[in-house]
PDB file of N, CA and C in Angstrom:
ATOM      1  N   MET A   1     -48.829  30.756   2.010  1.00  0.00           N
ATOM      2  CA  MET A   1     -47.602  32.445   1.979  1.00  0.00           C
ATOM      3  C   MET A   1     -46.643  32.373   3.175  1.00  0.00           C
ATOM      4  N   ILE A   2     -45.657  32.442   3.232  1.00  0.00           N
ATOM      5  CA  ILE A   2     -44.486  32.934   4.295  1.00  0.00           C
ATOM      6  C   ILE A   2     -44.329  34.355   4.248  1.00  0.00           C
ATOM      7  N   VAL A   3     -44.802  35.050   4.897  1.00  0.00           N
ATOM      8  CA  VAL A   3     -44.442  36.506   5.264  1.00  0.00           C
ATOM      9  C   VAL A   3     -43.234  36.880   6.083  1.00  0.00           C
ATOM     10  N   ASP A   4     -42.115  37.603   5.422  1.00  0.00           N
ATOM     11  CA  ASP A   4     -40.751  37.927   5.843  1.00  0.00           C
ATOM     12  C   ASP A   4     -40.743  39.126   7.062  1.00  0.00           C
ATOM     13  N   SER A   5     -40.172  39.034   7.850  1.00  0.00           N
ATOM     14  CA  SER A   5     -39.998  40.170   8.576  1.00  0.00           C
ATOM     15  C   SER A   5     -39.863  41.692   8.334  1.00  0.00           C
ATOM     16  N   ASP A   6     -39.615  41.646   7.066  1.00  0.00           N
ATOM     17  CA  ASP A   6     -39.951  43.363   6.557  1.00  0.00           C
ATOM     18  C   ASP A   6     -41.417  43.747   6.272  1.00  0.00           C
ATOM     19  N   VAL A   7     -42.025  42.550   5.803  1.00  0.00           N
ATOM     20  CA  VAL A   7     -43.513  42.717   5.665  1.00  0.00           C
ATOM     21  C   VAL A   7     -44.204  43.021   6.949  1.00  0.00           C
ATOM     22  N   ILE A   8     -43.564  41.850   7.751  1.00  0.00           N
ATOM     23  CA  ILE A   8     -44.377  42.400   9.374  1.00  0.00           C
ATOM     24  C   ILE A   8     -44.248  43.589   9.986  1.00  0.00           C
ATOM     25  N   ILE A   9     -42.762  43.728   9.590  1.00  0.00           N
ATOM     26  CA  ILE A   9     -42.754  45.358  10.560  1.00  0.00           C
ATOM     27  C   ILE A   9     -43.349  46.003   9.772  1.00  0.00           C
ATOM     28  N   GLU A  10     -43.625  46.234   8.079  1.00  0.00           N
ATOM     29  CA  GLU A  10     -44.678  47.482   7.687  1.00  0.00           C
ATOM     30  C   GLU A  10     -45.932  47.309   8.304  1.00  0.00           C
ATOM     31  N   VAL A  11     -46.326  46.355   8.476  1.00  0.00           N
ATOM     32  CA  VAL A  11     -47.851  46.184   8.831  1.00  0.00           C
ATOM     33  C   VAL A  11     -47.810  46.402  10.497  1.00  0.00           C
ATOM     34  N   LEU A  12     -47.187  46.163  11.248  1.00  0.00           N
ATOM     35  CA  LEU A  12     -46.942  46.657  12.461  1.00  0.00           C
ATOM     36  C   LEU A  12     -46.927  48.214  12.702  1.00  0.00           C
ATOM     37  N   ARG A  13     -46.086  48.642  11.567  1.00  0.00           N
ATOM     38  CA  ARG A  13     -45.990  50.228  11.651  1.00  0.00           C
ATOM     39  C   ARG A  13     -47.451  51.125  11.198  1.00  0.00           C
ATOM     40  N   GLY A  14     -48.007  50.012  10.556  1.00  0.00           N
ATOM     41  CA  GLY A  14     -49.298  50.608  10.362  1.00  0.00           C
ATOM     42  C   GLY A  14     -49.647  51.098   8.843  1.00  0.00           C
ATOM     43  N   ASN A  15     -48.325  50.768   7.969  1.00  0.00           N
ATOM     44  CA  ASN A  15     -48.282  51.015   6.612  1.00  0.00           C
ATOM     45  C   ASN A  15     -49.633  50.550   5.801  1.00  0.00           C
ATOM     46  N   ALA A  16     -50.372  51.725   5.341  1.00  0.00           N
ATOM     47  CA  ALA A  16     -51.705  51.188   5.066  1.00  0.00           C
ATOM     48  C   ALA A  16     -51.992  50.502   3.365  1.00  0.00           C
ATOM     49  N   LYS A  17     -50.795  50.695   2.942  1.00  0.00           N
ATOM     50  CA  LYS A  17     -50.779  49.769   1.677  1.00  0.00           C
ATOM     51  C   LYS A  17     -50.350  48.441   1.814  1.00  0.00           C
ATOM     52  N   THR A  18     -49.744  47.960   2.829  1.00  0.00           N
ATOM     53  CA  THR A  18     -49.061  46.630   3.013  1.00  0.00           C
ATOM     54  C   THR A  18     -50.101  46.101   3.823  1.00  0.00           C
ATOM     55  N   VAL A  19     -50.612  47.035   4.882  1.00  0.00           N
ATOM     56  CA  VAL A  19     -52.102  46.418   5.628  1.00  0.00           C
ATOM     57  C   VAL A  19     -52.793  45.943   4.785  1.00  0.00           C
ATOM     58  N   ALA A  20     -53.173  46.569   3.590  1.00  0.00           N
ATOM     59  CA  ALA A  20     -54.798  46.109   2.763  1.00  0.00           C
ATOM     60  C   ALA A  20     -53.973  45.120   2.099  1.00  0.00           C
ATOM     61  N   TRP A  21     -52.829  44.900   1.442  1.00  0.00           N
ATOM     62  CA  TRP A  21     -51.909  44.174   0.699  1.00  0.00           C
ATOM     63  C   TRP A  21     -52.435  42.309   1.540  1.00  0.00           C
ATOM     64  N   LEU A  22     -52.191  42.563   2.702  1.00  0.00           N
ATOM     65  CA  LEU A  22     -52.131  41.367   3.678  1.00  0.00           C
ATOM     66  C   LEU A  22     -53.777  40.966   4.028  1.00  0.00           C
ATOM     67  N   ARG A  23     -54.813  41.773   4.079  1.00  0.00           N
ATOM     68  CA  ARG A  23     -55.924  41.456   4.457  1.00  0.00           C
ATOM     69  C   ARG A  23     -56.449  41.166   3.085  1.00  0.00           C
ATOM     70  N   HIS A  24     -56.173  41.581   1.829  1.00  0.00           N
ATOM     71  CA  HIS A  24     -56.251  41.085   0.489  1.00  0.00           C
ATOM     72  C   HIS A  24     -56.235  39.172   0.778  1.00  0.00           C
ATOM     73  N   GLN A  25     -54.813  39.128   1.163  1.00  0.00           N
ATOM     74  CA  GLN A  25     -54.570  37.773   0.836  1.00  0.00           C
ATOM     75  C   GLN A  25     -55.204  36.908   1.853  1.00  0.00           C
ATOM     76  N   ARG A  26     -55.447  37.370   3.066  1.00  0.00           N
ATOM     77  CA  ARG A  26     -56.454  36.643   4.189  1.00  0.00           C
ATOM     78  C   ARG A  26     -57.675  36.502   3.036  1.00  0.00           C
ATOM     79  N   ALA A  27     -58.579  37.447   2.648  1.00  0.00           N
ATOM     80  CA  ALA A  27     -59.366  37.671   1.985  1.00  0.00           C
ATOM     81  C   ALA A  27     -59.590  36.266   0.777  1.00  0.00           C
ATOM     82  N   GLU A  28     -58.377  36.208   0.311  1.00  0.00           N
ATOM     83  CA  GLU A  28     -58.322  35.504  -1.287  1.00  0.00           C
ATOM     84  C   GLU A  28     -58.222  33.985  -0.652  1.00  0.00           C
ATOM     85  N   GLY A  29     -58.132  33.685   0.691  1.00  0.00           N
ATOM     86  CA  GLY A  29     -58.041  32.416   1.436  1.00  0.00           C
ATOM     87  C   GLY A  29     -56.525  32.058   1.858  1.00  0.00           C
ATOM     88  N   ALA A  30     -55.444  32.567   1.452  1.00  0.00           N
ATOM     89  CA  ALA A  30     -54.119  32.526   1.718  1.00  0.00           C
ATOM     90  C   ALA A  30     -53.852  32.239   2.949  1.00  0.00           C
ATOM     91  N   VAL A  31     -53.322  31.364   3.745  1.00  0.00           N
ATOM     92  CA  VAL A  31     -52.850  30.938   4.602  1.00  0.00           C
ATOM     93  C   VAL A  31     -51.568  32.084   4.983  1.00  0.00           C
ATOM     94  N   LEU A  32     -51.319  32.526   5.826  1.00  0.00           N
ATOM     95  CA  LEU A  32     -50.122  33.564   6.323  1.00  0.00           C
ATOM     96  C   LEU A  32     -49.180  32.668   7.372  1.00  0.00           C
ATOM     97  N   ARG A  33     -48.417  32.640   6.581  1.00  0.00           N
ATOM     98  CA  ARG A  33     -47.234  31.541   7.982  1.00  0.00           C
ATOM     99  C   ARG A  33     -46.227  32.451   8.210  1.00  0.00           C
ATOM    100  N   TYR A  34     -45.108  31.771   9.076  1.00  0.00           N
ATOM    101  CA  TYR A  34     -44.004  32.865   9.326  1.00  0.00           C
ATOM    102  C   TYR A  34     -42.794  31.648  10.001  1.00  0.00           C
ATOM    103  N   SER A  35     -41.667  31.757   9.852  1.00  0.00           N
ATOM    104  CA  SER A  35     -40.688  31.329  10.379  1.00  0.00           C
ATOM    105  C   SER A  35     -40.401  31.856  11.583  1.00  0.00           C
ATOM    106  N   PRO A  36     -40.072  30.969  12.869  1.00  0.00           N
ATOM    107  CA  PRO A  36     -39.583  31.619  14.139  1.00  0.00           C
ATOM    108  C   PRO A  36     -38.108  32.784  14.112  1.00  0.00           C
ATOM    109  N   VAL A  37     -37.522  32.482  13.186  1.00  0.00           N
ATOM    110  CA  VAL A  37     -36.572  33.256  12.459  1.00  0.00           C
ATOM    111  C   VAL A  37     -37.151  35.080  12.257  1.00  0.00           C
ATOM    112  N   THR A  38     -38.237  34.988  11.990  1.00  0.00           N
ATOM    113  CA  THR A  38     -38.965  36.145  11.338  1.00  0.00           C
ATOM    114  C   THR A  38     -39.182  36.672  12.835  1.00  0.00           C
ATOM    115  N   ARG A  39     -39.966  35.922  13.565  1.00  0.00           N
ATOM    116  CA  ARG A  39     -40.614  36.465  15.009  1.00  0.00           C
ATOM    117  C   ARG A  39     -39.518  36.521  15.867  1.00  0.00           C
ATOM    118  N   ALA A  40     -38.125  36.232  16.020  1.00  0.00           N
ATOM    119  CA  ALA A  40     -36.719  36.629  16.445  1.00  0.00           C
ATOM    120  C   ALA A  40     -36.469  37.940  15.922  1.00  0.00           C
ATOM    121  N   GLU A  41     -36.544  38.135  14.698  1.00  0.00           N
ATOM    122  CA  GLU A  41     -35.902  39.552  14.262  1.00  0.00           C
ATOM    123  C   GLU A  41     -36.969  40.413  14.613  1.00  0.00           C
ATOM    124  N   VAL A  42     -38.095  40.283  14.535  1.00  0.00           N
ATOM    125  CA  VAL A  42     -39.363  41.588  14.665  1.00  0.00           C
ATOM    126  C   VAL A  42     -38.653  41.770  16.657  1.00  0.00           C
ATOM    127  N   ARG A  43     -39.062  40.907  16.969  1.00  0.00           N
ATOM    128  CA  ARG A  43     -38.641  40.994  18.487  1.00  0.00           C
ATOM    129  C   ARG A  43     -37.622  41.988  19.163  1.00  0.00           C
ATOM    130  N   ALA A  44     -36.478  41.238  18.502  1.00  0.00           N
ATOM    131  CA  ALA A  44     -35.146  41.979  18.802  1.00  0.00           C
ATOM    132  C   ALA A  44     -35.016  43.308  18.385  1.00  0.00           C
ATOM    133  N   GLY A  45     -35.717  43.514  17.539  1.00  0.00           N
ATOM    134  CA  GLY A  45     -35.710  45.428  17.077  1.00  0.00           C
ATOM    135  C   GLY A  45     -36.989  46.048  17.520  1.00  0.00           C
ATOM    136  N   ALA A  46     -37.565  45.503  18.671  1.00  0.00           N
ATOM    137  CA  ALA A  46     -39.112  46.183  19.039  1.00  0.00           C
ATOM    138  C   ALA A  46     -38.660  46.810  20.528  1.00  0.00           C
ATOM    139  N   ARG A  47     -39.310  47.859  20.946  1.00  0.00           N
ATOM    140  CA  ARG A  47     -39.321  48.131  22.147  1.00  0.00           C
ATOM    141  C   ARG A  47     -40.051  47.380  23.495  1.00  0.00           C
ATOM    142  N   ARG A  48     -40.111  47.279  24.346  1.00  0.00           N
ATOM    143  CA  ARG A  48     -40.555  46.635  25.278  1.00  0.00           C
ATOM    144  C   ARG A  48     -42.450  46.904  25.301  1.00  0.00           C
ATOM    145  N   ALA A  49     -42.769  48.228  25.224  1.00  0.00           N
ATOM    146  CA  ALA A  49     -43.932  48.553  25.026  1.00  0.00           C
ATOM    147  C   ALA A  49     -44.768  47.828  23.959  1.00  0.00           C
ATOM    148  N   GLU A  50     -44.239  47.375  22.545  1.00  0.00           N
ATOM    149  CA  GLU A  50     -44.364  47.078  21.486  1.00  0.00           C
ATOM    150  C   GLU A  50     -44.465  45.477  21.866  1.00  0.00           C
ATOM    151  N   GLN A  51     -44.165  45.085  22.626  1.00  0.00           N
ATOM    152  CA  GLN A  51     -44.258  43.703  22.409  1.00  0.00           C
ATOM    153  C   GLN A  51     -45.419  42.913  22.294  1.00  0.00           C
ATOM    154  N   PRO A  52     -46.376  43.378  23.388  1.00  0.00           N
ATOM    155  CA  PRO A  52     -47.910  42.898  23.283  1.00  0.00           C
ATOM    156  C   PRO A  52     -48.475  42.686  21.972  1.00  0.00           C
ATOM    157  N   ALA A  53     -48.677  43.772  21.202  1.00  0.00           N
ATOM    158  CA  ALA A  53     -48.724  44.181  19.804  1.00  0.00           C
ATOM    159  C   ALA A  53     -48.421  43.105  18.621  1.00  0.00           C
ATOM    160  N   ILE A  54     -46.881  42.894  19.040  1.00  0.00           N
ATOM    161  CA  ILE A  54     -46.102  41.676  18.115  1.00  0.00           C
ATOM    162  C   ILE A  54     -46.729  40.492  18.354  1.00  0.00           C
ATOM    163  N   SER A  55     -46.786  40.295  19.801  1.00  0.00           N
ATOM    164  CA  SER A  55     -47.414  38.872  19.967  1.00  0.00           C
ATOM    165  C   SER A  55     -48.949  38.588  19.556  1.00  0.00           C
ATOM    166  N   ALA A  56     -49.281  39.456  19.595  1.00  0.00           N
ATOM    167  CA  ALA A  56     -50.702  39.512  18.999  1.00  0.00           C
ATOM    168  C   ALA A  56     -50.632  39.260  17.852  1.00  0.00           C
ATOM    169  N   PHE A  57     -50.468  39.981  16.991  1.00  0.00           N
ATOM    170  CA  PHE A  57     -50.022  39.777  15.512  1.00  0.00           C
ATOM    171  C   PHE A  57     -49.638  38.280  14.931  1.00  0.00           C
ATOM    172  N   PHE A  58     -48.408  37.898  15.475  1.00  0.00           N
ATOM    173  CA  PHE A  58     -48.013  36.979  15.525  1.00  0.00           C
ATOM    174  C   PHE A  58     -48.987  35.703  15.900  1.00  0.00           C
ATOM    175  N   GLY A  59     -49.975  36.048  16.839  1.00  0.00           N
ATOM    176  CA  GLY A  59     -51.009  35.011  16.943  1.00  0.00           C
ATOM    177  C   GLY A  59     -51.964  34.674  16.116  1.00  0.00           C
ATOM    178  N   SER A  60     -51.956  35.689  15.149  1.00  0.00           N
ATOM    179  CA  SER A  60     -52.723  35.414  13.967  1.00  0.00           C
ATOM    180  C   SER A  60     -52.363  34.755  12.541  1.00  0.00           C
ATOM    181  N   LEU A  61     -51.209  34.362  12.505  1.00  0.00           N
ATOM    182  CA  LEU A  61     -50.377  33.937  11.586  1.00  0.00           C
ATOM    183  C   LEU A  61     -50.731  32.372  11.952  1.00  0.00           C
ATOM    184  N   VAL A  62     -49.359  31.594  11.624  1.00  0.00           N
ATOM    185  CA  VAL A  62     -49.488  30.034  11.364  1.00  0.00           C
ATOM    186  C   VAL A  62     -47.510  29.716  11.504  1.00  0.00           C
ATOM    187  N   ALA A  63     -47.400  29.620  12.682  1.00  0.00           N
ATOM    188  CA  ALA A  63     -45.657  29.256  12.671  1.00  0.00           C
ATOM    189  C   ALA A  63     -45.153  28.059  12.224  1.00  0.00           C
ATOM    190  N   LEU A  64     -44.203  28.092  11.376  1.00  0.00           N
ATOM    191  CA  LEU A  64     -43.401  27.173  10.665  1.00  0.00           C
ATOM    192  C   LEU A  64     -42.606  26.383  11.478  1.00  0.00           C
ATOM    193  N   PRO A  65     -42.460  24.988  11.420  1.00  0.00           N
ATOM    194  CA  PRO A  65     -41.121  24.535  12.301  1.00  0.00           C
ATOM    195  C   PRO A  65     -40.068  24.376  11.750  1.00  0.00           C
ATOM    196  N   VAL A  66     -39.234  24.546  12.526  1.00  0.00           N
ATOM    197  CA  VAL A  66     -37.685  24.564  11.884  1.00  0.00           C
ATOM    198  C   VAL A  66     -36.879  23.238  12.510  1.00  0.00           C
ATOM    199  N   GLU A  67     -36.631  22.417  11.589  1.00  0.00           N
ATOM    200  CA  GLU A  67     -36.435  20.992  11.683  1.00  0.00           C
ATOM    201  C   GLU A  67     -34.982  20.662  11.280  1.00  0.00           C
ATOM    202  N   ALA A  68     -34.677  19.413  11.491  1.00  0.00           N
ATOM    203  CA  ALA A  68     -33.217  19.056  10.942  1.00  0.00           C
ATOM    204  C   ALA A  68     -33.171  19.668   9.589  1.00  0.00           C
ATOM    205  N   SER A  69     -34.197  19.305   8.642  1.00  0.00           N
ATOM    206  CA  SER A  69     -33.932  19.099   7.305  1.00  0.00           C
ATOM    207  C   SER A  69     -34.194  20.972   6.775  1.00  0.00           C
ATOM    208  N   THR A  70     -34.839  21.641   7.909  1.00  0.00           N
ATOM    209  CA  THR A  70     -34.650  23.133   7.536  1.00  0.00           C
ATOM    210  C   THR A  70     -33.581  23.564   7.582  1.00  0.00           C
ATOM    211  N   GLY A  71     -32.934  23.009   8.554  1.00  0.00           N
ATOM    212  CA  GLY A  71     -31.184  23.360   8.756  1.00  0.00           C
ATOM    213  C   GLY A  71     -30.260  22.870   7.732  1.00  0.00           C
ATOM    214  N   ASP A  72     -30.478  21.634   7.297  1.00  0.00           N
ATOM    215  CA  ASP A  72     -30.056  21.101   5.885  1.00  0.00           C
ATOM    216  C   ASP A  72     -29.968  22.472   4.903  1.00  0.00           C
ATOM    217  N   LEU A  73     -31.285  22.352   4.482  1.00  0.00           N
ATOM    218  CA  LEU A  73     -31.730  23.417   3.546  1.00  0.00           C
ATOM    219  C   LEU A  73     -30.960  24.499   3.471  1.00  0.00           C
ATOM    220  N   ALA A  74     -30.992  25.192   4.888  1.00  0.00           N
ATOM    221  CA  ALA A  74     -30.299  26.544   5.172  1.00  0.00           C
ATOM    222  C   ALA A  74     -28.932  26.911   4.687  1.00  0.00           C
ATOM    223  N   GLY A  75     -28.290  25.370   5.204  1.00  0.00           N
ATOM    224  CA  GLY A  75     -26.640  25.103   5.177  1.00  0.00           C
ATOM    225  C   GLY A  75     -26.585  25.434   3.669  1.00  0.00           C
ATOM    226  N   ASP A  76     -27.300  24.812   2.471  1.00  0.00           N
ATOM    227  CA  ASP A  76     -27.120  24.821   1.356  1.00  0.00           C
ATOM    228  C   ASP A  76     -27.432  26.342   0.500  1.00  0.00           C
ATOM    229  N   GLN A  77     -28.398  26.638   1.411  1.00  0.00           N
ATOM    230  CA  GLN A  77     -28.353  28.294   0.785  1.00  0.00           C
ATOM    231  C   GLN A  77     -27.562  28.931   0.969  1.00  0.00           C
ATOM    232  N   LEU A  78     -26.907  28.741   2.398  1.00  0.00           N
ATOM    233  CA  LEU A  78     -25.523  29.279   2.573  1.00  0.00           C
ATOM    234  C   LEU A  78     -24.530  29.372   1.822  1.00  0.00           C
ATOM    235  N   ALA A  79     -24.220  28.046   1.290  1.00  0.00           N
ATOM    236  CA  ALA A  79     -23.057  27.609   0.614  1.00  0.00           C
ATOM    237  C   ALA A  79     -23.168  28.031  -0.445  1.00  0.00           C
ATOM    238  N   ARG A  80     -24.615  28.125  -0.951  1.00  0.00           N
ATOM    239  CA  ARG A  80     -24.569  28.301  -2.632  1.00  0.00           C
ATOM    240  C   ARG A  80     -24.551  29.604  -2.763  1.00  0.00           C
ATOM    241  N   PHE A  81     -25.217  30.441  -1.634  1.00  0.00           N
ATOM    242  CA  PHE A  81     -25.577  32.321  -1.914  1.00  0.00           C
ATOM    243  C   PHE A  81     -24.810  33.063  -0.938  1.00  0.00           C
ATOM    244  N   ALA A  82     -23.988  32.585   0.060  1.00  0.00           N
ATOM    245  CA  ALA A  82     -23.477  33.584   0.830  1.00  0.00           C
ATOM    246  C   ALA A  82     -22.590  34.276   0.385  1.00  0.00           C
ATOM    247  N   ALA A  83     -21.646  34.229  -0.420  1.00  0.00           N
ATOM    248  CA  ALA A  83     -20.705  34.891  -1.172  1.00  0.00           C
ATOM    249  C   ALA A  83     -21.286  35.989  -2.226  1.00  0.00           C
ATOM    250  N   SER A  84     -22.098  35.149  -3.187  1.00  0.00           N
ATOM    251  CA  SER A  84     -22.661  35.905  -4.380  1.00  0.00           C
ATOM    252  C   SER A  84     -23.505  36.800  -4.022  1.00  0.00           C
ATOM    253  N   HIS A  85     -24.402  36.710  -3.048  1.00  0.00           N
ATOM    254  CA  HIS A  85     -25.659  37.682  -2.778  1.00  0.00           C
ATOM    255  C   HIS A  85     -25.620  37.958  -1.597  1.00  0.00           C
ATOM    256  N   ARG A  86     -24.951  37.779  -0.538  1.00  0.00           N
ATOM    257  CA  ARG A  86     -24.522  38.259   0.770  1.00  0.00           C
ATOM    258  C   ARG A  86     -25.770  37.940   1.816  1.00  0.00           C
ATOM    259  N   VAL A  87     -26.080  35.997   1.408  1.00  0.00           N
ATOM    260  CA  VAL A  87     -27.326  35.763   2.593  1.00  0.00           C
ATOM    261  C   VAL A  87     -26.553  35.237   3.649  1.00  0.00           C
ATOM    262  N   GLN A  88     -27.330  35.958   5.097  1.00  0.00           N
ATOM    263  CA  GLN A  88     -27.096  35.608   5.976  1.00  0.00           C
ATOM    264  C   GLN A  88     -27.789  34.305   6.822  1.00  0.00           C
ATOM    265  N   MET A  89     -27.757  33.931   7.694  1.00  0.00           N
ATOM    266  CA  MET A  89     -28.008  32.732   8.439  1.00  0.00           C
ATOM    267  C   MET A  89     -29.844  33.219   8.637  1.00  0.00           C
ATOM    268  N   GLY A  90     -30.076  33.913   9.179  1.00  0.00           N
ATOM    269  CA  GLY A  90     -31.861  34.336   9.172  1.00  0.00           C
ATOM    270  C   GLY A  90     -32.415  34.092   7.989  1.00  0.00           C
ATOM    271  N   ASP A  91     -32.116  34.939   6.810  1.00  0.00           N
ATOM    272  CA  ASP A  91     -32.654  34.923   5.586  1.00  0.00           C
ATOM    273  C   ASP A  91     -32.781  33.338   4.626  1.00  0.00           C
ATOM    274  N   ALA A  92     -31.518  32.723   5.365  1.00  0.00           N
ATOM    275  CA  ALA A  92     -31.040  31.340   4.508  1.00  0.00           C
ATOM    276  C   ALA A  92     -32.188  30.396   5.268  1.00  0.00           C
ATOM    277  N   LEU A  93     -32.574  30.386   6.972  1.00  0.00           N
ATOM    278  CA  LEU A  93     -33.225  29.524   7.454  1.00  0.00           C
ATOM    279  C   LEU A  93     -35.067  30.129   6.895  1.00  0.00           C
ATOM    280  N   ILE A  94     -35.194  31.658   6.676  1.00  0.00           N
ATOM    281  CA  ILE A  94     -36.681  31.571   6.151  1.00  0.00           C
ATOM    282  C   ILE A  94     -36.958  31.141   4.711  1.00  0.00           C
ATOM    283  N   ALA A  95     -35.708  31.060   3.885  1.00  0.00           N
ATOM    284  CA  ALA A  95     -35.634  30.631   2.478  1.00  0.00           C
ATOM    285  C   ALA A  95     -36.253  28.761   2.346  1.00  0.00           C
ATOM    286  N   ALA A  96     -35.264  28.339   3.543  1.00  0.00           N
ATOM    287  CA  ALA A  96     -35.293  27.075   3.580  1.00  0.00           C
ATOM    288  C   ALA A  96     -36.795  26.781   4.445  1.00  0.00           C
ATOM    289  N   ALA A  97     -37.470  27.578   4.904  1.00  0.00           N
ATOM    290  CA  ALA A  97     -38.713  27.287   5.198  1.00  0.00           C
ATOM    291  C   ALA A  97     -39.826  27.484   3.764  1.00  0.00           C
ATOM    292  N   ALA A  98     -39.280  28.232   3.231  1.00  0.00           N
ATOM    293  CA  ALA A  98     -40.221  28.463   2.028  1.00  0.00           C
ATOM    294  C   ALA A  98     -39.986  27.191   0.796  1.00  0.00           C
ATOM    295  N   ILE A  99     -38.758  26.745   0.672  1.00  0.00           N
ATOM    296  CA  ILE A  99     -38.424  26.118  -0.119  1.00  0.00           C
ATOM    297  C   ILE A  99     -38.939  24.537   0.295  1.00  0.00           C
ATOM    298  N   GLU A 100     -38.554  24.181   1.778  1.00  0.00           N
ATOM    299  CA  GLU A 100     -39.388  23.025   2.371  1.00  0.00           C
ATOM    300  C   GLU A 100     -40.802  22.625   2.126  1.00  0.00           C
ATOM    301  N   HIS A 101     -41.161  23.966   2.414  1.00  0.00           N
ATOM    302  CA  HIS A 101     -42.943  23.748   2.812  1.00  0.00           C
ATOM    303  C   HIS A 101     -43.504  24.338   1.071  1.00  0.00           C
ATOM    304  N   ARG A 102     -42.897  24.307  -0.179  1.00  0.00           N
ATOM    305  CA  ARG A 102     -43.048  24.754  -1.437  1.00  0.00           C
ATOM    306  C   ARG A 102     -44.048  26.016  -1.309  1.00  0.00           C
ATOM    307  N   ASP A 103     -43.596  27.099  -0.714  1.00  0.00           N
ATOM    308  CA  ASP A 103     -44.606  28.001  -0.498  1.00  0.00           C
ATOM    309  C   ASP A 103     -43.925  29.468  -0.952  1.00  0.00           C
ATOM    310  N   ASP A 104     -44.907  30.062  -1.434  1.00  0.00           N
ATOM    311  CA  ASP A 104     -44.500  31.749  -1.609  1.00  0.00           C
ATOM    312  C   ASP A 104     -43.816  32.291  -0.576  1.00  0.00           C
ATOM    313  N   LEU A 105     -42.984  33.148  -0.453  1.00  0.00           N
ATOM    314  CA  LEU A 105     -42.430  34.442   0.418  1.00  0.00           C
ATOM    315  C   LEU A 105     -42.880  35.389  -0.331  1.00  0.00           C
ATOM    316  N   ALA A 106     -43.294  36.316   0.886  1.00  0.00           N
ATOM    317  CA  ALA A 106     -43.576  37.871   0.869  1.00  0.00           C
ATOM    318  C   ALA A 106     -42.466  38.441   1.423  1.00  0.00           C
ATOM    319  N   THR A 107     -41.835  39.715   0.604  1.00  0.00           N
ATOM    320  CA  THR A 107     -40.945  39.861   0.953  1.00  0.00           C
ATOM    321  C   THR A 107     -40.526  41.102   0.295  1.00  0.00           C
ATOM    322  N   PHE A 108     -39.793  42.506   0.840  1.00  0.00           N
ATOM    323  CA  PHE A 108     -39.249  43.602  -0.088  1.00  0.00           C
ATOM    324  C   PHE A 108     -38.180  43.450  -0.313  1.00  0.00           C
ATOM    325  N   ASN A 109     -37.488  42.375   0.091  1.00  0.00           N
ATOM    326  CA  ASN A 109     -36.107  42.281  -0.217  1.00  0.00           C
ATOM    327  C   ASN A 109     -35.606  40.733  -0.936  1.00  0.00           C
ATOM    328  N   SER A 110     -36.341  40.832  -1.891  1.00  0.00           N
ATOM    329  CA  SER A 110     -35.982  39.522  -2.865  1.00  0.00           C
ATOM    330  C   SER A 110     -34.607  38.942  -2.977  1.00  0.00           C
ATOM    331  N   ARG A 111     -33.509  40.255  -3.087  1.00  0.00           N
ATOM    332  CA  ARG A 111     -32.325  40.023  -3.385  1.00  0.00           C
ATOM    333  C   ARG A 111     -31.751  38.750  -2.333  1.00  0.00           C
ATOM    334  N   HIS A 112     -32.155  39.138  -1.349  1.00  0.00           N
ATOM    335  CA  HIS A 112     -31.924  38.124   0.158  1.00  0.00           C
ATOM    336  C   HIS A 112     -32.320  36.594  -0.245  1.00  0.00           C
ATOM    337  N   PHE A 113     -33.495  36.560  -1.328  1.00  0.00           N
ATOM    338  CA  PHE A 113     -33.777  34.904  -1.239  1.00  0.00           C
ATOM    339  C   PHE A 113     -33.584  34.548  -2.801  1.00  0.00           C
ATOM    340  N   PRO A 114     -32.313  34.039  -3.484  1.00  0.00           N
ATOM    341  CA  PRO A 114     -32.113  34.074  -4.524  1.00  0.00           C
ATOM    342  C   PRO A 114     -32.671  32.413  -4.773  1.00  0.00           C
ATOM    343  N   GLY A 115     -32.700  31.468  -3.946  1.00  0.00           N
ATOM    344  CA  GLY A 115     -33.108  29.850  -4.021  1.00  0.00           C
ATOM    345  C   GLY A 115     -34.520  29.825  -4.190  1.00  0.00           C
ATOM    346  N   VAL A 116     -35.158  30.925  -3.653  1.00  0.00           N
ATOM    347  CA  VAL A 116     -36.725  30.684  -3.491  1.00  0.00           C
ATOM    348  C   VAL A 116     -37.467  30.560  -5.190  1.00  0.00           C
ATOM    349  N   LYS A 117     -38.196  29.640  -5.148  1.00  0.00           N
ATOM    350  CA  LYS A 117     -38.980  29.629  -6.241  1.00  0.00           C
ATOM    351  C   LYS A 117     -40.105  31.171  -6.700  1.00  0.00           C
ATOM    352  N   THR A 118     -40.682  31.207  -5.792  1.00  0.00           N
ATOM    353  CA  THR A 118     -41.784  32.416  -5.755  1.00  0.00           C
ATOM    354  C   THR A 118     -41.661  33.679  -4.920  1.00  0.00           C
ATOM    355  N   VAL A 119     -41.144  34.536  -4.953  1.00  0.00           N
ATOM    356  CA  VAL A 119     -41.157  35.447  -4.114  1.00  0.00           C
ATOM    357  C   VAL A 119     -41.933  36.589  -4.489  1.00  0.00           C
ATOM    358  N   VAL A 120     -42.747  36.919  -3.523  1.00  0.00           N
ATOM    359  CA  VAL A 120     -43.801  37.935  -3.879  1.00  0.00           C
ATOM    360  C   VAL A 120     -43.490  39.457  -3.450  1.00  0.00           C
ATOM    361  N   THR A 121     -43.551  40.385  -4.176  1.00  0.00           N
ATOM    362  CA  THR A 121     -43.581  41.739  -3.406  1.00  0.00           C
ATOM    363  C   THR A 121     -44.590  42.521  -3.059  1.00  0.00           C
ATOM    364  N   PRO A 122     -44.924  42.310  -1.809  1.00  0.00           N
ATOM    365  CA  PRO A 122     -46.147  43.305  -1.517  1.00  0.00           C
ATOM    366  C   PRO A 122     -46.232  44.535  -1.804  1.00  0.00           C
ATOM    367  N   ALA A 123     -47.635  45.031  -1.934  1.00  0.00           N
ATOM    368  CA  ALA A 123     -47.795  46.989  -1.575  1.00  0.00           C
ATOM    369  C   ALA A 123     -46.984  47.429  -0.810  1.00  0.00           C
ATOM    370  N   ARG A 124     -46.519  48.527  -0.603  1.00  0.00           N
ATOM    371  CA  ARG A 124     -46.016  49.399   0.008  1.00  0.00           C
ATOM    372  C   ARG A 124     -46.248  50.716   0.172  1.00  0.00           C
TER     373      ARG A 124
END
């Protein structure tokens, strides 16, 4: 399962329901992955003192590669959904990763990912 930025932010903030949901996913055997775009988004909005905890958390997840094919899929997402759903580059790249790897996407903002087959909304 690919974990979106908003879910990771809730975990890092200590949201008990989201943390419990994530732990349950791990206990069920889910491989928790992320796009490097998510890592950039989370780090960009964090304070310097939060960086070590952020790095440690990302170290417990699996990073997905961003390949030329990911860029192609993201471009397709933008062409198809930018105007109608206001999809932006970051979300298009995250969606492309989910599509390319045929993986579920955990997010609180499902409207940002109209082309992803399975979007999961975690507990909040």
